[in-house]
Amino acid sequence: MSRRHLWSARAVTRNVWGLALLGVGLVGGQGWASPAGNEPPAKVRLTCVGSARTVFSPALAPTSRSGSMTLSSRYGGCLSMGGQGASWANVVTTTSAYQNFTCSDALGVSSDTVTVTWSNGEQSVLSLQPSEVDEEATTTTVSYEGRVVSGRYQGLSVVRSLTYLNADFTTRCASDTGLPETNAFSLLVFAEVP
């Protein structure tokens, strides 16, 4: 996604997160306009709400450590705009090594290729780039933007966000046991971006 669309990660995350909390459905084809109002809005095609779990081995601590982390996500509620969506999706579990990580490194901002497996068995391969980290009083949301490079929904733009509790990286990570895992609220949004 071009840098001119970086607004969409925050807009999509906040709007869909708010709608999920309120239990309100989205109107088909709804889009988000840019703050400047000079770009056509994105047309949302599919929104999935779920959770993501990351396991660190060894547990992260305030001091630098090296090891591996395994990330898996499950999206139990997907809403399609146009009736062609899937009811749920899993992100294939990925394990990667890390070097010299501390508590603050766990939020991650690296590029990623993610494979989504849908409820009907089809897959989508997403190429994602970090777009922003939005820190609030009790949570931090890390957003990624990219495209579906192959499989179902190929060519659509994607926003994936992960919202963590700040206490995981401050209180829990600084404890004697460190931070063995994190659990995050996650959104996965597919859209046509002009």
N, C-alpha and C. Protein backbone atom coordinates (compact mmCIF):
# COMPACT_ATOMS: atom_id res chain seq x y z
N MET A 1 0.85 -1.17 0.00
CA MET A 1 0.00 0.00 0.00
C MET A 1 0.89 1.23 0.00
N SER A 2 0.55 2.22 -0.74
CA SER A 2 1.38 3.41 -0.79
C SER A 2 1.28 4.17 0.52
N ARG A 3 2.28 5.00 0.78
CA ARG A 3 2.33 5.73 2.03
C ARG A 3 1.16 6.71 2.16
N ARG A 4 0.56 7.10 1.04
CA ARG A 4 -0.55 8.04 1.15
C ARG A 4 -1.77 7.41 1.82
N HIS A 5 -1.77 6.10 1.97
CA HIS A 5 -2.90 5.42 2.61
C HIS A 5 -2.60 5.01 4.05
N LEU A 6 -1.51 5.50 4.65
CA LEU A 6 -1.18 5.11 6.01
C LEU A 6 -2.26 5.50 7.02
N TRP A 7 -3.11 6.46 6.67
CA TRP A 7 -4.21 6.85 7.54
C TRP A 7 -5.14 5.69 7.81
N SER A 8 -5.22 4.76 6.89
CA SER A 8 -6.26 3.74 6.97
C SER A 8 -6.07 2.78 8.14
N ALA A 9 -4.83 2.50 8.54
CA ALA A 9 -4.62 1.56 9.65
C ALA A 9 -5.29 2.06 10.92
N ARG A 10 -5.03 3.30 11.28
CA ARG A 10 -5.63 3.84 12.50
C ARG A 10 -7.14 3.99 12.34
N ALA A 11 -7.60 4.52 11.21
CA ALA A 11 -9.03 4.72 11.01
C ALA A 11 -9.78 3.41 11.04
N VAL A 12 -9.28 2.41 10.30
CA VAL A 12 -9.96 1.12 10.26
C VAL A 12 -9.96 0.47 11.63
N THR A 13 -8.81 0.45 12.31
CA THR A 13 -8.71 -0.19 13.62
C THR A 13 -9.67 0.45 14.62
N ARG A 14 -9.65 1.76 14.72
CA ARG A 14 -10.50 2.43 15.71
C ARG A 14 -11.98 2.26 15.38
N ASN A 15 -12.36 2.43 14.12
CA ASN A 15 -13.77 2.32 13.76
C ASN A 15 -14.31 0.91 13.93
N VAL A 16 -13.55 -0.09 13.47
CA VAL A 16 -14.03 -1.47 13.59
C VAL A 16 -14.00 -1.92 15.05
N TRP A 17 -12.98 -1.53 15.79
CA TRP A 17 -12.88 -1.86 17.21
C TRP A 17 -14.09 -1.29 17.94
N GLY A 18 -14.45 -0.05 17.66
CA GLY A 18 -15.62 0.56 18.29
C GLY A 18 -16.91 -0.15 17.92
N LEU A 19 -17.05 -0.51 16.66
CA LEU A 19 -18.25 -1.23 16.22
C LEU A 19 -18.33 -2.61 16.85
N ALA A 20 -17.18 -3.28 17.00
CA ALA A 20 -17.16 -4.61 17.61
C ALA A 20 -17.62 -4.52 19.07
N LEU A 21 -17.16 -3.50 19.78
CA LEU A 21 -17.57 -3.33 21.17
C LEU A 21 -19.06 -3.03 21.30
N LEU A 22 -19.58 -2.29 20.36
CA LEU A 22 -20.99 -1.92 20.41
C LEU A 22 -21.91 -2.99 19.82
N GLY A 23 -21.31 -3.95 19.10
CA GLY A 23 -22.11 -5.00 18.49
C GLY A 23 -22.89 -4.50 17.28
N VAL A 24 -22.39 -3.47 16.62
CA VAL A 24 -23.07 -2.88 15.48
C VAL A 24 -22.46 -3.41 14.20
N GLY A 25 -23.28 -3.79 13.23
CA GLY A 25 -22.79 -4.27 11.95
C GLY A 25 -22.38 -3.13 11.05
N LEU A 26 -21.55 -3.43 10.08
CA LEU A 26 -21.13 -2.45 9.09
C LEU A 26 -22.06 -2.50 7.89
N VAL A 27 -22.27 -1.37 7.28
CA VAL A 27 -23.09 -1.29 6.09
C VAL A 27 -22.24 -1.73 4.90
N GLY A 28 -22.77 -2.54 4.01
CA GLY A 28 -22.02 -3.05 2.87
C GLY A 28 -21.37 -1.94 2.08
N GLY A 29 -20.08 -2.14 1.79
CA GLY A 29 -19.36 -1.19 0.97
C GLY A 29 -18.94 0.07 1.69
N GLN A 30 -19.12 0.12 3.02
CA GLN A 30 -18.74 1.32 3.75
C GLN A 30 -17.24 1.55 3.61
N GLY A 31 -16.86 2.81 3.53
CA GLY A 31 -15.45 3.13 3.40
C GLY A 31 -15.04 4.17 4.42
N TRP A 32 -13.73 4.38 4.51
CA TRP A 32 -13.19 5.41 5.38
C TRP A 32 -12.48 6.42 4.52
N ALA A 33 -12.85 7.67 4.67
CA ALA A 33 -12.21 8.73 3.90
C ALA A 33 -10.96 9.19 4.62
N SER A 34 -10.02 9.75 3.90
CA SER A 34 -8.80 10.26 4.50
C SER A 34 -9.12 11.52 5.29
N PRO A 35 -8.28 11.86 6.29
CA PRO A 35 -8.55 13.06 7.08
C PRO A 35 -8.62 14.32 6.22
N ALA A 36 -7.81 14.39 5.17
CA ALA A 36 -7.82 15.58 4.33
C ALA A 36 -9.04 15.61 3.42
N GLY A 37 -9.68 14.47 3.24
CA GLY A 37 -10.87 14.40 2.41
C GLY A 37 -10.59 14.49 0.93
N ASN A 38 -9.31 14.35 0.53
CA ASN A 38 -8.97 14.51 -0.88
C ASN A 38 -8.73 13.19 -1.59
N GLU A 39 -8.94 12.09 -0.92
CA GLU A 39 -8.76 10.78 -1.54
C GLU A 39 -10.07 10.01 -1.49
N PRO A 40 -10.33 9.19 -2.50
CA PRO A 40 -11.55 8.37 -2.45
C PRO A 40 -11.46 7.38 -1.28
N PRO A 41 -12.58 7.04 -0.68
CA PRO A 41 -12.55 6.12 0.46
C PRO A 41 -12.27 4.69 0.02
N ALA A 42 -11.69 3.94 0.95
CA ALA A 42 -11.51 2.51 0.72
C ALA A 42 -12.86 1.82 0.86
N LYS A 43 -13.10 0.77 0.05
CA LYS A 43 -14.33 0.00 0.15
C LYS A 43 -14.02 -1.29 0.88
N VAL A 44 -14.50 -1.39 2.11
CA VAL A 44 -14.24 -2.57 2.94
C VAL A 44 -15.02 -3.75 2.39
N ARG A 45 -14.34 -4.88 2.18
CA ARG A 45 -14.97 -6.09 1.65
C ARG A 45 -15.14 -7.18 2.70
N LEU A 46 -14.24 -7.24 3.67
CA LEU A 46 -14.32 -8.29 4.70
C LEU A 46 -13.61 -7.80 5.95
N THR A 47 -14.25 -8.00 7.10
CA THR A 47 -13.67 -7.63 8.39
C THR A 47 -13.74 -8.84 9.30
N CYS A 48 -12.61 -9.19 9.92
CA CYS A 48 -12.55 -10.32 10.85
C CYS A 48 -12.03 -9.85 12.20
N VAL A 49 -12.69 -10.29 13.26
CA VAL A 49 -12.32 -9.96 14.62
C VAL A 49 -11.82 -11.22 15.29
N GLY A 50 -10.70 -11.11 16.01
CA GLY A 50 -10.18 -12.31 16.65
C GLY A 50 -9.12 -12.02 17.68
N SER A 51 -8.26 -13.01 17.90
CA SER A 51 -7.21 -12.89 18.90
C SER A 51 -5.91 -13.45 18.35
N ALA A 52 -4.82 -12.99 18.94
CA ALA A 52 -3.50 -13.47 18.54
C ALA A 52 -2.71 -13.80 19.80
N ARG A 53 -1.99 -14.90 19.75
CA ARG A 53 -1.18 -15.34 20.89
C ARG A 53 0.27 -15.49 20.44
N THR A 54 1.19 -14.90 21.19
CA THR A 54 2.61 -15.04 20.92
C THR A 54 3.27 -15.68 22.12
N VAL A 55 4.02 -16.75 21.90
CA VAL A 55 4.74 -17.45 22.96
C VAL A 55 6.23 -17.22 22.76
N PHE A 56 6.91 -16.78 23.83
CA PHE A 56 8.34 -16.50 23.78
C PHE A 56 9.12 -17.59 24.51
N SER A 57 10.19 -18.06 23.90
CA SER A 57 11.04 -19.07 24.52
C SER A 57 12.50 -18.69 24.33
N PRO A 58 13.20 -18.31 25.40
CA PRO A 58 12.73 -18.19 26.79
C PRO A 58 11.84 -16.97 26.97
N ALA A 59 11.24 -16.86 28.16
CA ALA A 59 10.38 -15.71 28.46
C ALA A 59 11.18 -14.42 28.33
N LEU A 60 10.53 -13.37 27.82
CA LEU A 60 11.20 -12.08 27.70
C LEU A 60 11.40 -11.46 29.07
N ALA A 61 12.44 -10.64 29.17
CA ALA A 61 12.77 -9.97 30.42
C ALA A 61 13.30 -8.58 30.08
N PRO A 62 13.46 -7.71 31.10
CA PRO A 62 14.00 -6.38 30.83
C PRO A 62 15.43 -6.43 30.26
N THR A 63 16.17 -7.50 30.60
CA THR A 63 17.51 -7.66 30.06
C THR A 63 17.45 -8.37 28.72
N SER A 64 18.42 -8.14 27.89
CA SER A 64 18.43 -8.68 26.54
C SER A 64 18.54 -10.20 26.53
N ARG A 65 17.69 -10.85 25.70
CA ARG A 65 17.70 -12.31 25.55
C ARG A 65 17.53 -12.66 24.08
N SER A 66 17.97 -13.86 23.73
CA SER A 66 17.78 -14.39 22.37
C SER A 66 16.99 -15.69 22.47
N GLY A 67 16.19 -15.98 21.47
CA GLY A 67 15.38 -17.19 21.49
C GLY A 67 14.46 -17.23 20.29
N SER A 68 13.24 -17.75 20.50
CA SER A 68 12.28 -17.83 19.40
C SER A 68 10.90 -17.43 19.90
N MET A 69 10.05 -17.02 18.96
CA MET A 69 8.67 -16.68 19.30
C MET A 69 7.75 -17.33 18.28
N THR A 70 6.60 -17.80 18.77
CA THR A 70 5.62 -18.46 17.92
C THR A 70 4.32 -17.67 17.99
N LEU A 71 3.84 -17.24 16.83
CA LEU A 71 2.63 -16.43 16.75
C LEU A 71 1.53 -17.21 16.04
N SER A 72 0.34 -17.24 16.63
CA SER A 72 -0.83 -17.83 15.97
C SER A 72 -2.04 -16.93 16.22
N SER A 73 -2.92 -16.87 15.25
CA SER A 73 -4.11 -16.03 15.36
C SER A 73 -5.35 -16.81 14.95
N ARG A 74 -6.46 -16.47 15.58
CA ARG A 74 -7.75 -17.08 15.25
C ARG A 74 -8.78 -15.97 15.15
N TYR A 75 -9.44 -15.92 14.00
CA TYR A 75 -10.48 -14.92 13.77
C TYR A 75 -11.82 -15.65 13.72
N GLY A 76 -12.57 -15.55 14.81
CA GLY A 76 -13.81 -16.31 14.92
C GLY A 76 -15.02 -15.64 14.33
N GLY A 77 -14.93 -14.36 14.07
CA GLY A 77 -16.08 -13.65 13.52
C GLY A 77 -15.68 -12.81 12.32
N CYS A 78 -16.11 -13.23 11.14
CA CYS A 78 -15.81 -12.48 9.92
C CYS A 78 -17.11 -11.97 9.32
N LEU A 79 -17.11 -10.70 8.91
CA LEU A 79 -18.28 -10.07 8.33
C LEU A 79 -17.94 -9.67 6.91
N SER A 80 -18.70 -10.21 5.96
CA SER A 80 -18.46 -9.95 4.55
C SER A 80 -19.38 -8.87 4.03
N MET A 81 -18.83 -8.02 3.17
CA MET A 81 -19.64 -7.02 2.49
C MET A 81 -19.92 -7.54 1.08
N GLY A 82 -21.02 -8.22 0.91
CA GLY A 82 -21.36 -8.75 -0.40
C GLY A 82 -21.59 -10.25 -0.39
N GLY A 83 -21.52 -10.87 0.78
CA GLY A 83 -21.88 -12.27 0.90
C GLY A 83 -20.89 -13.27 0.39
N GLN A 84 -19.63 -12.87 0.16
CA GLN A 84 -18.64 -13.82 -0.36
C GLN A 84 -17.55 -14.11 0.65
N GLY A 85 -17.80 -13.84 1.91
CA GLY A 85 -16.77 -14.02 2.93
C GLY A 85 -16.79 -15.39 3.56
N ALA A 86 -15.88 -15.57 4.49
CA ALA A 86 -15.78 -16.81 5.25
C ALA A 86 -16.25 -16.53 6.67
N SER A 87 -16.69 -17.56 7.38
CA SER A 87 -17.20 -17.35 8.73
C SER A 87 -16.08 -17.23 9.76
N TRP A 88 -14.94 -17.83 9.51
CA TRP A 88 -13.80 -17.72 10.41
C TRP A 88 -12.50 -17.96 9.64
N ALA A 89 -11.38 -17.65 10.30
CA ALA A 89 -10.08 -17.81 9.66
C ALA A 89 -9.01 -18.04 10.71
N ASN A 90 -7.95 -18.73 10.33
CA ASN A 90 -6.76 -18.91 11.16
C ASN A 90 -5.56 -18.36 10.42
N VAL A 91 -4.65 -17.76 11.15
CA VAL A 91 -3.36 -17.41 10.56
C VAL A 91 -2.42 -18.54 10.91
N VAL A 92 -1.80 -19.11 9.89
CA VAL A 92 -0.90 -20.23 10.10
C VAL A 92 0.15 -19.85 11.12
N THR A 93 0.40 -20.74 12.07
CA THR A 93 1.37 -20.49 13.12
C THR A 93 2.76 -20.32 12.52
N THR A 94 3.42 -19.25 12.94
CA THR A 94 4.77 -19.00 12.45
C THR A 94 5.73 -18.88 13.64
N THR A 95 6.91 -19.44 13.49
CA THR A 95 7.94 -19.35 14.52
C THR A 95 9.15 -18.66 13.92
N SER A 96 9.67 -17.69 14.63
CA SER A 96 10.86 -17.00 14.15
C SER A 96 11.82 -16.75 15.30
N ALA A 97 13.10 -16.70 14.97
CA ALA A 97 14.13 -16.46 15.97
C ALA A 97 14.27 -14.97 16.22
N TYR A 98 14.68 -14.62 17.42
CA TYR A 98 15.00 -13.22 17.72
C TYR A 98 16.33 -13.15 18.44
N GLN A 99 17.00 -12.04 18.24
CA GLN A 99 18.30 -11.81 18.87
C GLN A 99 18.23 -10.56 19.74
N ASN A 100 18.71 -10.68 20.96
CA ASN A 100 18.84 -9.52 21.85
C ASN A 100 17.53 -8.77 22.04
N PHE A 101 16.46 -9.50 22.33
CA PHE A 101 15.15 -8.89 22.57
C PHE A 101 15.02 -8.49 24.03
N THR A 102 14.34 -7.38 24.26
CA THR A 102 13.92 -6.99 25.60
C THR A 102 12.40 -6.85 25.56
N CYS A 103 11.80 -6.43 26.68
CA CYS A 103 10.34 -6.29 26.74
C CYS A 103 9.81 -5.37 25.65
N SER A 104 10.48 -4.28 25.39
CA SER A 104 9.97 -3.31 24.43
C SER A 104 10.06 -3.80 22.98
N ASP A 105 10.91 -4.81 22.71
CA ASP A 105 11.05 -5.32 21.35
C ASP A 105 9.91 -6.26 20.96
N ALA A 106 9.13 -6.73 21.92
CA ALA A 106 8.11 -7.75 21.66
C ALA A 106 6.97 -7.25 20.80
N LEU A 107 6.76 -5.95 20.74
CA LEU A 107 5.67 -5.42 19.91
C LEU A 107 5.95 -5.59 18.44
N GLY A 108 7.21 -5.65 18.06
CA GLY A 108 7.58 -5.96 16.69
C GLY A 108 7.11 -4.97 15.67
N VAL A 109 7.96 -4.65 14.72
CA VAL A 109 7.61 -3.75 13.64
C VAL A 109 8.19 -4.21 12.31
N SER A 110 8.53 -5.48 12.21
CA SER A 110 9.15 -5.96 10.98
C SER A 110 8.11 -6.32 9.93
N SER A 111 8.56 -6.37 8.69
CA SER A 111 7.69 -6.83 7.59
C SER A 111 7.38 -8.30 7.79
N ASP A 112 6.29 -8.75 7.22
CA ASP A 112 5.88 -10.13 7.45
C ASP A 112 5.08 -10.66 6.26
N THR A 113 5.21 -11.95 6.00
CA THR A 113 4.35 -12.64 5.05
C THR A 113 3.52 -13.62 5.86
N VAL A 114 2.20 -13.49 5.74
CA VAL A 114 1.28 -14.25 6.57
C VAL A 114 0.35 -15.07 5.68
N THR A 115 0.11 -16.31 6.06
CA THR A 115 -0.85 -17.15 5.35
C THR A 115 -2.11 -17.30 6.18
N VAL A 116 -3.24 -16.91 5.61
CA VAL A 116 -4.53 -17.03 6.28
C VAL A 116 -5.25 -18.25 5.70
N THR A 117 -5.74 -19.13 6.55
CA THR A 117 -6.55 -20.27 6.12
C THR A 117 -8.00 -20.00 6.50
N TRP A 118 -8.88 -20.01 5.51
CA TRP A 118 -10.29 -19.68 5.72
C TRP A 118 -11.10 -20.92 6.08
N SER A 119 -12.32 -20.70 6.55
CA SER A 119 -13.19 -21.78 7.00
C SER A 119 -13.54 -22.77 5.89
N ASN A 120 -13.47 -22.34 4.63
CA ASN A 120 -13.77 -23.26 3.52
C ASN A 120 -12.52 -23.97 2.98
N GLY A 121 -11.37 -23.77 3.65
CA GLY A 121 -10.13 -24.43 3.24
C GLY A 121 -9.25 -23.62 2.32
N GLU A 122 -9.78 -22.53 1.74
CA GLU A 122 -8.97 -21.69 0.89
C GLU A 122 -7.96 -20.90 1.72
N GLN A 123 -6.93 -20.39 1.04
CA GLN A 123 -5.91 -19.62 1.73
C GLN A 123 -5.69 -18.27 1.03
N SER A 124 -5.16 -17.33 1.79
CA SER A 124 -4.72 -16.03 1.28
C SER A 124 -3.33 -15.78 1.82
N VAL A 125 -2.41 -15.36 0.95
CA VAL A 125 -1.07 -15.00 1.39
C VAL A 125 -0.98 -13.47 1.41
N LEU A 126 -0.66 -12.92 2.58
CA LEU A 126 -0.60 -11.49 2.78
C LEU A 126 0.85 -11.03 2.91
N SER A 127 1.19 -9.97 2.22
CA SER A 127 2.49 -9.33 2.38
C SER A 127 2.26 -8.05 3.15
N LEU A 128 2.80 -7.96 4.38
CA LEU A 128 2.49 -6.85 5.28
C LEU A 128 3.73 -6.05 5.66
N GLN A 129 3.53 -4.75 5.77
CA GLN A 129 4.58 -3.83 6.22
C GLN A 129 4.07 -3.10 7.46
N PRO A 130 4.96 -2.80 8.41
CA PRO A 130 4.51 -2.04 9.58
C PRO A 130 4.06 -0.64 9.16
N SER A 131 2.97 -0.15 9.76
CA SER A 131 2.50 1.19 9.41
C SER A 131 2.53 2.13 10.60
N GLU A 132 2.11 1.66 11.79
CA GLU A 132 2.16 2.55 12.94
C GLU A 132 1.99 1.79 14.25
N VAL A 133 2.47 2.42 15.32
CA VAL A 133 2.27 1.95 16.68
C VAL A 133 1.54 3.06 17.41
N ASP A 134 0.38 2.74 17.97
CA ASP A 134 -0.47 3.74 18.62
C ASP A 134 -0.59 3.37 20.10
N GLU A 135 0.11 4.11 20.96
CA GLU A 135 0.10 3.82 22.39
C GLU A 135 -0.93 4.67 23.10
N GLU A 136 -1.81 4.00 23.84
CA GLU A 136 -2.83 4.67 24.65
C GLU A 136 -2.49 4.44 26.12
N ALA A 137 -3.39 4.83 27.02
CA ALA A 137 -3.12 4.72 28.46
C ALA A 137 -2.93 3.28 28.91
N THR A 138 -3.77 2.36 28.42
CA THR A 138 -3.69 0.97 28.89
C THR A 138 -3.37 -0.04 27.80
N THR A 139 -3.43 0.38 26.54
CA THR A 139 -3.17 -0.55 25.43
C THR A 139 -2.23 0.07 24.40
N THR A 140 -1.61 -0.80 23.62
CA THR A 140 -0.80 -0.38 22.48
C THR A 140 -1.25 -1.18 21.27
N THR A 141 -1.55 -0.50 20.16
CA THR A 141 -1.97 -1.16 18.94
C THR A 141 -0.88 -1.04 17.89
N VAL A 142 -0.48 -2.19 17.36
CA VAL A 142 0.51 -2.25 16.30
C VAL A 142 -0.25 -2.59 15.02
N SER A 143 -0.10 -1.77 13.98
CA SER A 143 -0.82 -1.97 12.73
C SER A 143 0.12 -2.24 11.58
N TYR A 144 -0.32 -3.13 10.69
CA TYR A 144 0.43 -3.48 9.49
C TYR A 144 -0.49 -3.28 8.30
N GLU A 145 0.06 -2.87 7.17
CA GLU A 145 -0.71 -2.70 5.94
C GLU A 145 -0.01 -3.46 4.81
N GLY A 146 -0.80 -3.90 3.85
CA GLY A 146 -0.21 -4.60 2.71
C GLY A 146 -1.26 -5.03 1.73
N ARG A 147 -0.95 -6.12 1.03
CA ARG A 147 -1.86 -6.63 -0.01
C ARG A 147 -1.96 -8.14 0.08
N VAL A 148 -3.03 -8.67 -0.49
CA VAL A 148 -3.15 -10.11 -0.68
C VAL A 148 -2.39 -10.42 -1.96
N VAL A 149 -1.28 -11.16 -1.84
CA VAL A 149 -0.43 -11.39 -3.01
C VAL A 149 -0.80 -12.66 -3.76
N SER A 150 -1.52 -13.58 -3.10
CA SER A 150 -1.99 -14.77 -3.81
C SER A 150 -3.14 -15.40 -3.04
N GLY A 151 -3.91 -16.25 -3.75
CA GLY A 151 -5.02 -16.95 -3.13
C GLY A 151 -6.29 -16.12 -3.10
N ARG A 152 -7.18 -16.50 -2.19
CA ARG A 152 -8.47 -15.82 -2.07
C ARG A 152 -8.26 -14.34 -1.76
N TYR A 153 -9.05 -13.49 -2.36
CA TYR A 153 -9.02 -12.03 -2.20
C TYR A 153 -7.75 -11.40 -2.79
N GLN A 154 -7.08 -12.11 -3.69
CA GLN A 154 -5.85 -11.57 -4.28
C GLN A 154 -6.09 -10.17 -4.85
N GLY A 155 -5.15 -9.28 -4.58
CA GLY A 155 -5.23 -7.91 -5.07
C GLY A 155 -5.83 -6.92 -4.10
N LEU A 156 -6.60 -7.40 -3.09
CA LEU A 156 -7.18 -6.48 -2.13
C LEU A 156 -6.10 -5.96 -1.17
N SER A 157 -6.33 -4.78 -0.64
CA SER A 157 -5.47 -4.22 0.39
C SER A 157 -5.89 -4.79 1.74
N VAL A 158 -4.94 -4.82 2.68
CA VAL A 158 -5.19 -5.43 3.98
C VAL A 158 -4.64 -4.54 5.09
N VAL A 159 -5.38 -4.45 6.18
CA VAL A 159 -4.89 -3.88 7.43
C VAL A 159 -5.01 -4.97 8.48
N ARG A 160 -3.92 -5.24 9.19
CA ARG A 160 -3.95 -6.18 10.32
C ARG A 160 -3.45 -5.43 11.54
N SER A 161 -4.24 -5.45 12.60
CA SER A 161 -3.82 -4.76 13.82
C SER A 161 -3.86 -5.72 15.00
N LEU A 162 -2.95 -5.48 15.94
CA LEU A 162 -2.85 -6.27 17.16
C LEU A 162 -2.85 -5.29 18.32
N THR A 163 -3.79 -5.45 19.27
CA THR A 163 -3.89 -4.55 20.42
C THR A 163 -3.51 -5.31 21.69
N TYR A 164 -2.43 -4.85 22.33
CA TYR A 164 -1.88 -5.49 23.52
C TYR A 164 -2.17 -4.66 24.76
N LEU A 165 -2.20 -5.33 25.91
CA LEU A 165 -2.26 -4.62 27.19
C LEU A 165 -0.86 -4.13 27.53
N ASN A 166 -0.74 -2.84 27.89
CA ASN A 166 0.56 -2.29 28.25
C ASN A 166 1.17 -2.99 29.45
N ALA A 167 0.33 -3.48 30.37
CA ALA A 167 0.84 -4.15 31.57
C ALA A 167 1.67 -5.38 31.24
N ASP A 168 1.41 -6.02 30.09
CA ASP A 168 2.22 -7.18 29.70
C ASP A 168 3.68 -6.80 29.55
N PHE A 169 3.93 -5.62 29.00
CA PHE A 169 5.30 -5.22 28.69
C PHE A 169 5.95 -4.40 29.79
N THR A 170 5.17 -3.96 30.75
CA THR A 170 5.74 -3.23 31.88
C THR A 170 5.77 -4.12 33.11
N THR A 171 4.63 -4.41 33.69
CA THR A 171 4.55 -5.18 34.93
C THR A 171 4.96 -6.64 34.75
N ARG A 172 4.30 -7.36 33.84
CA ARG A 172 4.57 -8.80 33.70
C ARG A 172 5.98 -9.09 33.22
N CYS A 173 6.46 -8.32 32.26
CA CYS A 173 7.78 -8.58 31.70
C CYS A 173 8.88 -8.29 32.72
N ALA A 174 8.63 -7.37 33.64
CA ALA A 174 9.62 -7.01 34.66
C ALA A 174 9.59 -7.94 35.87
N SER A 175 8.65 -8.88 35.90
CA SER A 175 8.53 -9.78 37.05
C SER A 175 9.63 -10.85 37.03
N ASP A 176 9.70 -11.64 38.10
CA ASP A 176 10.71 -12.69 38.19
C ASP A 176 10.57 -13.74 37.09
N THR A 177 9.34 -14.01 36.67
CA THR A 177 9.12 -15.04 35.64
C THR A 177 9.23 -14.49 34.23
N GLY A 178 9.26 -13.17 34.08
CA GLY A 178 9.34 -12.58 32.75
C GLY A 178 8.02 -12.67 32.01
N LEU A 179 8.08 -12.52 30.70
CA LEU A 179 6.87 -12.53 29.86
C LEU A 179 6.92 -13.74 28.94
N PRO A 180 6.24 -14.85 29.32
CA PRO A 180 6.29 -16.05 28.49
C PRO A 180 5.37 -15.98 27.27
N GLU A 181 4.33 -15.15 27.34
CA GLU A 181 3.39 -15.05 26.22
C GLU A 181 2.60 -13.76 26.29
N THR A 182 2.05 -13.35 25.15
CA THR A 182 1.12 -12.23 25.10
C THR A 182 -0.14 -12.68 24.37
N ASN A 183 -1.23 -12.04 24.72
CA ASN A 183 -2.49 -12.27 24.03
C ASN A 183 -3.01 -10.91 23.58
N ALA A 184 -3.43 -10.82 22.33
CA ALA A 184 -3.84 -9.54 21.77
C ALA A 184 -5.19 -9.67 21.09
N PHE A 185 -5.94 -8.58 21.10
CA PHE A 185 -7.15 -8.44 20.28
C PHE A 185 -6.65 -8.12 18.88
N SER A 186 -7.23 -8.76 17.85
CA SER A 186 -6.72 -8.54 16.50
C SER A 186 -7.86 -8.30 15.51
N LEU A 187 -7.58 -7.42 14.56
CA LEU A 187 -8.50 -7.15 13.46
C LEU A 187 -7.80 -7.45 12.15
N LEU A 188 -8.56 -7.95 11.20
CA LEU A 188 -8.06 -8.23 9.86
C LEU A 188 -9.10 -7.66 8.90
N VAL A 189 -8.72 -6.64 8.13
CA VAL A 189 -9.67 -5.94 7.28
C VAL A 189 -9.16 -5.94 5.84
N PHE A 190 -10.02 -6.38 4.91
CA PHE A 190 -9.69 -6.43 3.49
C PHE A 190 -10.51 -5.36 2.78
N ALA A 191 -9.87 -4.60 1.90
CA ALA A 191 -10.58 -3.51 1.25
C ALA A 191 -10.04 -3.25 -0.15
N GLU A 192 -10.88 -2.65 -0.97
CA GLU A 192 -10.45 -2.14 -2.27
C GLU A 192 -10.04 -0.68 -2.04
N VAL A 193 -8.79 -0.39 -2.31
CA VAL A 193 -8.30 0.97 -2.14
C VAL A 193 -8.00 1.55 -3.50
N PRO A 194 -8.68 2.65 -3.88
CA PRO A 194 -8.47 3.25 -5.21
C PRO A 194 -7.03 3.68 -5.41
